[in-house]
Amino acid sequence: MPIYIAIFCVLPLLAGLIPEYLVCRFTRRPWWRLLPPLAVALLAALVTAGRLRVWESEASPVTQLLFVPGVPALFALAGTLLGWRLWKRLWGPRVVKDRRGG
C-alpha cells in the first residue's frame, strides 16, 4: 500500500511542487507561472485520451480513468498550488505592524 501512495500521490505532488517553485523563483514574467499547471493538465489529457483509445469495448472504464490519470493529476495540480504558495511565503513582501503606539 505505501508504494501506491508514493506512486499516485507523493511523486505527482513533488512533480508539481518543484517545477512551480523553480519557475516562480527564477523567472521574472508572471505568465511563465502558468506553464507547470498547463503542462500537468496537458499530460493528464494525453493520458486520458490514450487510455480511452485502449478501451474500445462495451465495459465503461470510468472508475479506472478517475483513478489512473485523475488522482495523480489532482495531486500534481495541488503540488503546483503548494509550490506557488511556498514561493509566495518565502519570497513575497511582508507587512510589518509597528508595535509602538501612535
N, C-alpha and C. Protein backbone atom coordinates (compact mmCIF):
# COMPACT_ATOMS: atom_id res chain seq x y z
N MET A 1 0.80 -1.21 0.00
CA MET A 1 0.00 0.00 0.00
C MET A 1 0.85 1.28 0.00
N PRO A 2 1.96 1.35 0.76
CA PRO A 2 2.76 2.58 0.72
C PRO A 2 3.34 2.88 -0.67
N ILE A 3 3.61 1.83 -1.45
CA ILE A 3 4.15 2.07 -2.79
C ILE A 3 3.10 2.74 -3.68
N TYR A 4 1.83 2.38 -3.50
CA TYR A 4 0.76 3.02 -4.27
C TYR A 4 0.60 4.48 -3.89
N ILE A 5 0.71 4.76 -2.59
CA ILE A 5 0.62 6.14 -2.13
C ILE A 5 1.78 6.95 -2.68
N ALA A 6 2.96 6.36 -2.68
CA ALA A 6 4.13 7.07 -3.21
C ALA A 6 3.98 7.33 -4.70
N ILE A 7 3.55 6.34 -5.46
CA ILE A 7 3.46 6.49 -6.91
C ILE A 7 2.33 7.40 -7.33
N PHE A 8 1.15 7.25 -6.73
CA PHE A 8 -0.01 8.00 -7.18
C PHE A 8 -0.24 9.31 -6.45
N CYS A 9 0.45 9.54 -5.32
CA CYS A 9 0.21 10.76 -4.55
C CYS A 9 1.47 11.60 -4.34
N VAL A 10 2.49 11.02 -3.76
CA VAL A 10 3.67 11.79 -3.36
C VAL A 10 4.50 12.22 -4.58
N LEU A 11 4.78 11.33 -5.49
CA LEU A 11 5.57 11.69 -6.67
C LEU A 11 4.90 12.75 -7.54
N PRO A 12 3.60 12.64 -7.84
CA PRO A 12 2.97 13.73 -8.60
C PRO A 12 2.93 15.05 -7.83
N LEU A 13 2.78 14.97 -6.51
CA LEU A 13 2.79 16.20 -5.71
C LEU A 13 4.15 16.89 -5.81
N LEU A 14 5.21 16.13 -5.70
CA LEU A 14 6.55 16.69 -5.84
C LEU A 14 6.82 17.14 -7.27
N ALA A 15 6.28 16.40 -8.24
CA ALA A 15 6.47 16.75 -9.65
C ALA A 15 5.74 18.05 -9.99
N GLY A 16 4.76 18.42 -9.23
CA GLY A 16 4.10 19.71 -9.43
C GLY A 16 4.73 20.81 -8.60
N LEU A 17 5.12 20.49 -7.37
CA LEU A 17 5.65 21.48 -6.45
C LEU A 17 7.01 22.02 -6.89
N ILE A 18 7.92 21.15 -7.24
CA ILE A 18 9.29 21.58 -7.56
C ILE A 18 9.36 22.46 -8.81
N PRO A 19 8.76 22.07 -9.94
CA PRO A 19 8.83 22.97 -11.10
C PRO A 19 8.12 24.31 -10.87
N GLU A 20 6.98 24.28 -10.18
CA GLU A 20 6.26 25.53 -9.94
C GLU A 20 7.08 26.47 -9.07
N TYR A 21 7.70 25.96 -8.03
CA TYR A 21 8.54 26.80 -7.17
C TYR A 21 9.72 27.35 -7.96
N LEU A 22 10.37 26.51 -8.74
CA LEU A 22 11.53 26.96 -9.51
C LEU A 22 11.16 28.00 -10.56
N VAL A 23 10.02 27.80 -11.22
CA VAL A 23 9.58 28.77 -12.22
C VAL A 23 9.24 30.10 -11.55
N CYS A 24 8.55 30.04 -10.42
CA CYS A 24 8.21 31.28 -9.72
C CYS A 24 9.45 31.97 -9.17
N ARG A 25 10.41 31.21 -8.73
CA ARG A 25 11.60 31.79 -8.10
C ARG A 25 12.57 32.40 -9.10
N PHE A 26 12.75 31.77 -10.24
CA PHE A 26 13.82 32.19 -11.14
C PHE A 26 13.36 32.89 -12.41
N THR A 27 12.07 33.06 -12.62
CA THR A 27 11.62 33.80 -13.80
C THR A 27 10.99 35.11 -13.36
N ARG A 28 11.04 36.06 -14.22
CA ARG A 28 10.51 37.39 -13.91
C ARG A 28 9.11 37.62 -14.49
N ARG A 29 8.76 36.91 -15.49
CA ARG A 29 7.48 37.13 -16.15
C ARG A 29 6.37 36.32 -15.47
N PRO A 30 5.24 36.96 -15.16
CA PRO A 30 4.18 36.24 -14.46
C PRO A 30 3.50 35.15 -15.30
N TRP A 31 3.52 35.29 -16.62
CA TRP A 31 2.83 34.27 -17.43
C TRP A 31 3.60 32.96 -17.47
N TRP A 32 4.88 32.97 -17.12
CA TRP A 32 5.65 31.72 -17.04
C TRP A 32 5.13 30.83 -15.92
N ARG A 33 4.51 31.43 -14.91
CA ARG A 33 3.99 30.66 -13.79
C ARG A 33 2.83 29.77 -14.18
N LEU A 34 2.26 30.02 -15.34
CA LEU A 34 1.16 29.18 -15.82
C LEU A 34 1.64 27.91 -16.51
N LEU A 35 2.91 27.84 -16.86
CA LEU A 35 3.42 26.69 -17.60
C LEU A 35 3.32 25.36 -16.83
N PRO A 36 3.74 25.27 -15.57
CA PRO A 36 3.61 23.97 -14.88
C PRO A 36 2.16 23.47 -14.75
N PRO A 37 1.18 24.32 -14.35
CA PRO A 37 -0.20 23.80 -14.32
C PRO A 37 -0.72 23.40 -15.70
N LEU A 38 -0.35 24.17 -16.72
CA LEU A 38 -0.78 23.81 -18.08
C LEU A 38 -0.14 22.51 -18.53
N ALA A 39 1.12 22.29 -18.16
CA ALA A 39 1.79 21.04 -18.51
C ALA A 39 1.13 19.85 -17.81
N VAL A 40 0.73 20.03 -16.56
CA VAL A 40 0.03 18.96 -15.83
C VAL A 40 -1.30 18.66 -16.50
N ALA A 41 -2.05 19.70 -16.85
CA ALA A 41 -3.35 19.49 -17.50
C ALA A 41 -3.19 18.82 -18.86
N LEU A 42 -2.18 19.24 -19.63
CA LEU A 42 -1.95 18.63 -20.94
C LEU A 42 -1.54 17.17 -20.81
N LEU A 43 -0.67 16.87 -19.87
CA LEU A 43 -0.25 15.48 -19.65
C LEU A 43 -1.41 14.61 -19.20
N ALA A 44 -2.25 15.14 -18.31
CA ALA A 44 -3.43 14.38 -17.86
C ALA A 44 -4.39 14.14 -19.03
N ALA A 45 -4.56 15.12 -19.89
CA ALA A 45 -5.44 14.95 -21.05
C ALA A 45 -4.88 13.92 -22.02
N LEU A 46 -3.57 13.93 -22.23
CA LEU A 46 -2.95 12.94 -23.12
C LEU A 46 -3.07 11.52 -22.55
N VAL A 47 -2.86 11.37 -21.26
CA VAL A 47 -3.00 10.05 -20.64
C VAL A 47 -4.45 9.58 -20.72
N THR A 48 -5.39 10.47 -20.47
CA THR A 48 -6.81 10.11 -20.56
C THR A 48 -7.18 9.71 -21.98
N ALA A 49 -6.72 10.46 -22.97
CA ALA A 49 -7.01 10.12 -24.36
C ALA A 49 -6.38 8.78 -24.75
N GLY A 50 -5.19 8.53 -24.29
CA GLY A 50 -4.54 7.26 -24.57
C GLY A 50 -5.26 6.09 -23.93
N ARG A 51 -5.72 6.28 -22.71
CA ARG A 51 -6.44 5.20 -22.03
C ARG A 51 -7.82 4.98 -22.63
N LEU A 52 -8.45 6.04 -23.10
CA LEU A 52 -9.76 5.87 -23.75
C LEU A 52 -9.62 5.10 -25.05
N ARG A 53 -8.53 5.30 -25.75
CA ARG A 53 -8.31 4.60 -27.00
C ARG A 53 -8.09 3.10 -26.79
N VAL A 54 -7.51 2.76 -25.64
CA VAL A 54 -7.25 1.35 -25.35
C VAL A 54 -8.54 0.58 -25.12
N TRP A 55 -9.48 1.21 -24.41
CA TRP A 55 -10.73 0.53 -24.08
C TRP A 55 -11.81 0.89 -25.09
N GLU A 56 -11.92 0.13 -26.10
CA GLU A 56 -13.00 0.32 -27.05
C GLU A 56 -13.96 -0.86 -26.96
N SER A 57 -14.24 -1.24 -25.74
CA SER A 57 -15.16 -2.35 -25.51
C SER A 57 -16.46 -1.81 -24.92
N GLU A 58 -17.37 -2.74 -24.58
CA GLU A 58 -18.66 -2.33 -24.03
C GLU A 58 -18.57 -1.96 -22.55
N ALA A 59 -17.53 -2.34 -21.86
CA ALA A 59 -17.36 -2.01 -20.44
C ALA A 59 -16.88 -0.56 -20.29
N SER A 60 -17.42 0.12 -19.30
CA SER A 60 -17.07 1.51 -19.07
C SER A 60 -15.82 1.63 -18.20
N PRO A 61 -14.81 2.36 -18.65
CA PRO A 61 -13.58 2.50 -17.87
C PRO A 61 -13.58 3.73 -16.96
N VAL A 62 -14.77 4.22 -16.57
CA VAL A 62 -14.84 5.47 -15.82
C VAL A 62 -14.08 5.39 -14.51
N THR A 63 -14.25 4.32 -13.76
CA THR A 63 -13.56 4.23 -12.47
C THR A 63 -12.05 4.17 -12.65
N GLN A 64 -11.59 3.46 -13.66
CA GLN A 64 -10.15 3.38 -13.89
C GLN A 64 -9.61 4.70 -14.42
N LEU A 65 -10.39 5.43 -15.19
CA LEU A 65 -9.94 6.74 -15.65
C LEU A 65 -9.87 7.75 -14.51
N LEU A 66 -10.76 7.63 -13.55
CA LEU A 66 -10.69 8.51 -12.39
C LEU A 66 -9.47 8.19 -11.54
N PHE A 67 -9.12 6.91 -11.45
CA PHE A 67 -8.01 6.53 -10.58
C PHE A 67 -6.65 6.79 -11.22
N VAL A 68 -6.45 6.37 -12.45
CA VAL A 68 -5.10 6.44 -13.02
C VAL A 68 -4.73 7.85 -13.47
N PRO A 69 -5.39 8.50 -14.42
CA PRO A 69 -4.93 9.86 -14.69
C PRO A 69 -5.51 10.88 -13.72
N GLY A 70 -6.63 10.55 -13.07
CA GLY A 70 -7.30 11.53 -12.22
C GLY A 70 -6.58 11.84 -10.92
N VAL A 71 -6.26 10.83 -10.15
CA VAL A 71 -5.63 11.05 -8.84
C VAL A 71 -4.24 11.65 -8.98
N PRO A 72 -3.37 11.13 -9.83
CA PRO A 72 -2.05 11.79 -9.97
C PRO A 72 -2.16 13.22 -10.50
N ALA A 73 -3.09 13.48 -11.41
CA ALA A 73 -3.26 14.84 -11.92
C ALA A 73 -3.75 15.78 -10.82
N LEU A 74 -4.64 15.30 -9.98
CA LEU A 74 -5.12 16.10 -8.86
C LEU A 74 -3.99 16.45 -7.90
N PHE A 75 -3.16 15.47 -7.58
CA PHE A 75 -2.04 15.72 -6.68
C PHE A 75 -0.98 16.60 -7.34
N ALA A 76 -0.77 16.47 -8.63
CA ALA A 76 0.19 17.32 -9.32
C ALA A 76 -0.30 18.77 -9.36
N LEU A 77 -1.58 18.97 -9.58
CA LEU A 77 -2.14 20.33 -9.54
C LEU A 77 -2.07 20.90 -8.13
N ALA A 78 -2.32 20.06 -7.13
CA ALA A 78 -2.16 20.50 -5.74
C ALA A 78 -0.70 20.86 -5.46
N GLY A 79 0.22 20.12 -6.06
CA GLY A 79 1.64 20.43 -5.92
C GLY A 79 2.00 21.76 -6.54
N THR A 80 1.40 22.09 -7.68
CA THR A 80 1.67 23.39 -8.28
C THR A 80 1.15 24.52 -7.40
N LEU A 81 0.00 24.30 -6.79
CA LEU A 81 -0.53 25.29 -5.86
C LEU A 81 0.37 25.43 -4.64
N LEU A 82 0.83 24.32 -4.10
CA LEU A 82 1.73 24.37 -2.95
C LEU A 82 3.07 25.01 -3.31
N GLY A 83 3.57 24.75 -4.51
CA GLY A 83 4.81 25.38 -4.95
C GLY A 83 4.67 26.89 -5.06
N TRP A 84 3.54 27.35 -5.57
CA TRP A 84 3.29 28.79 -5.66
C TRP A 84 3.16 29.41 -4.27
N ARG A 85 2.44 28.72 -3.38
CA ARG A 85 2.28 29.23 -2.00
C ARG A 85 3.62 29.25 -1.27
N LEU A 86 4.45 28.24 -1.48
CA LEU A 86 5.76 28.22 -0.84
C LEU A 86 6.61 29.38 -1.33
N TRP A 87 6.61 29.63 -2.63
CA TRP A 87 7.34 30.76 -3.18
C TRP A 87 6.81 32.07 -2.63
N LYS A 88 5.49 32.20 -2.57
CA LYS A 88 4.87 33.42 -2.07
C LYS A 88 5.21 33.65 -0.61
N ARG A 89 5.24 32.57 0.15
CA ARG A 89 5.54 32.67 1.59
C ARG A 89 7.01 33.04 1.82
N LEU A 90 7.90 32.44 1.06
CA LEU A 90 9.33 32.70 1.27
C LEU A 90 9.81 34.01 0.65
N TRP A 91 9.27 34.38 -0.51
CA TRP A 91 9.83 35.50 -1.25
C TRP A 91 8.86 36.66 -1.44
N GLY A 92 7.64 36.55 -0.96
CA GLY A 92 6.69 37.64 -1.12
C GLY A 92 6.95 38.77 -0.13
N PRO A 93 6.43 39.96 -0.42
CA PRO A 93 6.61 41.07 0.52
C PRO A 93 5.84 40.83 1.81
N ARG A 94 6.38 41.31 2.89
CA ARG A 94 5.76 41.14 4.19
C ARG A 94 5.28 42.49 4.71
N VAL A 95 4.16 42.45 5.39
CA VAL A 95 3.63 43.65 6.04
C VAL A 95 3.95 43.52 7.52
N VAL A 96 4.64 44.53 8.03
CA VAL A 96 5.06 44.51 9.43
C VAL A 96 4.32 45.62 10.15
N LYS A 97 3.63 45.26 11.23
CA LYS A 97 2.92 46.26 12.01
C LYS A 97 3.88 46.90 13.00
N ASP A 98 3.71 48.19 13.17
CA ASP A 98 4.52 48.90 14.14
C ASP A 98 3.88 48.72 15.51
N ARG A 99 4.60 48.16 16.44
CA ARG A 99 4.05 47.88 17.78
C ARG A 99 4.07 49.11 18.67
N ARG A 100 4.78 50.13 18.28
CA ARG A 100 4.78 51.35 19.07
C ARG A 100 3.44 52.04 18.93
N GLY A 101 3.00 52.63 19.95
CA GLY A 101 1.71 53.36 19.92
C GLY A 101 1.76 54.55 19.01
N GLY A 102 0.60 54.94 18.58
CA GLY A 102 0.66 56.18 17.83
C GLY A 102 -0.12 56.16 16.62
